[in-house]
């Protein structure tokens, strides 16, 4: 789960993509939209490119790094997220709402 949306994580391909975006995000993000592309090492680190979405605009890429936590089954990615004026990316900031991405694992018993 990420931000109320169900996502798919493929560690071998290094991709995190939306599976079932929450209703409020569907105008900007569809099933299969890639949220992250890079290196994912279960139980270790992650680094690569995350993508921020805004309706009517192309995804905005930005670098992120993070760590898996086996203890609470999460992946937290951080990086200065894009700041936009309309569709144009005018800068990057650690205060951006996209600067911290938290993914929580839901496991079947």
Protein backbone atom coordinates (compact mmCIF):
# COMPACT_ATOMS: atom_id res chain seq x y z
CA UNK A 1 0.00 0.00 0.00
CA UNK A 2 1.07 3.57 -0.70
CA UNK A 3 -1.03 6.64 0.02
CA UNK A 4 -4.23 4.60 0.07
CA UNK A 5 -3.44 2.86 -3.23
CA UNK A 6 -2.56 -0.79 -3.83
CA UNK A 7 0.82 -1.12 -5.56
CA UNK A 8 2.87 -3.94 -7.09
CA UNK A 9 6.54 -4.33 -6.23
CA UNK A 10 8.84 -6.34 -8.50
CA UNK A 11 12.27 -6.40 -6.80
CA UNK A 12 13.93 -8.27 -9.69
CA UNK A 13 12.83 -5.68 -12.26
CA UNK A 14 13.33 -2.82 -9.77
CA UNK A 15 9.83 -1.44 -10.33
CA UNK A 16 7.01 -0.24 -8.11
CA UNK A 17 3.78 0.45 -10.02
CA UNK A 18 0.21 1.31 -9.12
CA UNK A 19 -2.13 -1.66 -9.17
CA UNK A 20 -5.30 -0.03 -7.85
CA UNK A 21 -4.92 3.76 -7.45
CA UNK A 22 -7.25 5.31 -4.90
CA UNK A 23 -10.22 7.10 -6.48
CA UNK A 24 -8.92 10.64 -5.94
CA UNK A 25 -5.67 9.84 -7.81
CA UNK A 26 -7.25 8.14 -10.84
CA UNK A 27 -7.42 11.31 -12.98
CA UNK A 28 -3.58 11.50 -12.82
CA UNK A 29 -2.49 7.91 -12.14
CA UNK A 30 -3.76 4.75 -13.79
CA UNK A 31 -3.19 1.06 -13.09
CA UNK A 32 0.33 0.18 -14.18
CA UNK A 33 1.73 3.70 -13.71
CA UNK A 34 5.37 3.35 -12.62
CA UNK A 35 6.02 5.08 -9.28
CA UNK A 36 9.65 3.96 -8.90
CA UNK A 37 12.32 2.42 -11.12
CA UNK A 38 15.73 1.45 -9.78
CA UNK A 39 17.35 -1.08 -7.47
CA UNK A 40 15.32 -2.85 -4.79
CA UNK A 41 17.06 -5.22 -2.41
CA UNK A 42 14.60 -6.89 -0.02
CA UNK A 43 15.93 -6.54 3.51
CA UNK A 44 18.40 -3.89 2.28
CA UNK A 45 18.58 -0.64 0.43
CA UNK A 46 16.80 0.90 -2.51
CA UNK A 47 17.78 3.70 -4.87
CA UNK A 48 16.58 4.99 -8.19
CA UNK A 49 14.03 7.33 -9.72
CA UNK A 50 10.57 8.09 -8.33
CA UNK A 51 7.84 9.75 -10.36
CA UNK A 52 5.42 12.45 -9.16
CA UNK A 53 2.08 12.73 -10.95
CA UNK A 54 -0.21 15.68 -11.63
CA UNK A 55 -3.36 15.52 -13.74
CA UNK A 56 -2.75 16.64 -17.32
CA UNK A 57 1.06 16.69 -16.89
CA UNK A 58 3.82 14.21 -17.64
CA UNK A 59 5.27 12.38 -14.62
CA UNK A 60 8.11 14.31 -12.96
CA UNK A 61 11.15 12.11 -12.22
CA UNK A 62 13.42 12.69 -9.20
CA UNK A 63 16.13 10.65 -7.42
CA UNK A 64 15.31 8.78 -4.21
CA UNK A 65 17.08 6.47 -1.78
CA UNK A 66 15.67 4.34 0.98
CA UNK A 67 15.68 1.32 3.18
CA UNK A 68 13.47 -1.69 3.78
CA UNK A 69 12.42 -2.38 7.35
CA UNK A 70 11.73 -6.05 7.99
CA UNK A 71 10.53 -5.12 11.49
CA UNK A 72 7.47 -3.15 10.35
CA UNK A 73 7.39 -4.40 6.73
CA UNK A 74 7.85 -1.01 5.09
CA UNK A 75 9.94 0.60 2.38
CA UNK A 76 10.64 4.29 2.90
CA UNK A 77 12.11 6.26 -0.02
CA UNK A 78 13.32 9.84 0.35
CA UNK A 79 14.53 12.51 -2.04
CA UNK A 80 13.93 16.16 -2.84
CA UNK A 81 10.58 16.09 -4.62
CA UNK A 82 9.55 18.26 -7.55
CA UNK A 83 7.93 21.67 -7.16
CA UNK A 84 5.75 22.63 -10.12
CA UNK A 85 4.28 25.73 -11.65
CA UNK A 86 1.54 24.27 -13.82
CA UNK A 87 3.21 21.28 -15.46
CA UNK A 88 6.69 22.79 -15.40
CA UNK A 89 9.09 21.53 -12.71
CA UNK A 90 10.67 24.71 -11.30
CA UNK A 91 12.71 23.13 -8.52
CA UNK A 92 13.08 20.37 -5.96
CA UNK A 93 12.56 20.47 -2.21
CA UNK A 94 12.80 18.21 0.83
CA UNK A 95 9.51 19.90 1.87
CA UNK A 96 7.66 18.65 -1.23
CA UNK A 97 4.76 16.28 -0.53
CA UNK A 98 6.65 13.81 -2.77
CA UNK A 99 9.88 13.94 -0.72
CA UNK A 100 8.97 10.91 1.42
CA UNK A 101 7.31 7.82 -0.02
CA UNK A 102 6.16 5.11 2.39
CA UNK A 103 5.19 1.68 1.10
CA UNK A 104 3.63 -0.81 3.54
CA UNK A 105 3.51 -4.53 2.81
CA UNK A 106 0.24 -6.42 3.13
CA UNK A 107 0.97 -10.10 3.53
CA UNK A 108 -1.40 -13.02 3.06
CA UNK A 109 -1.41 -15.59 5.85
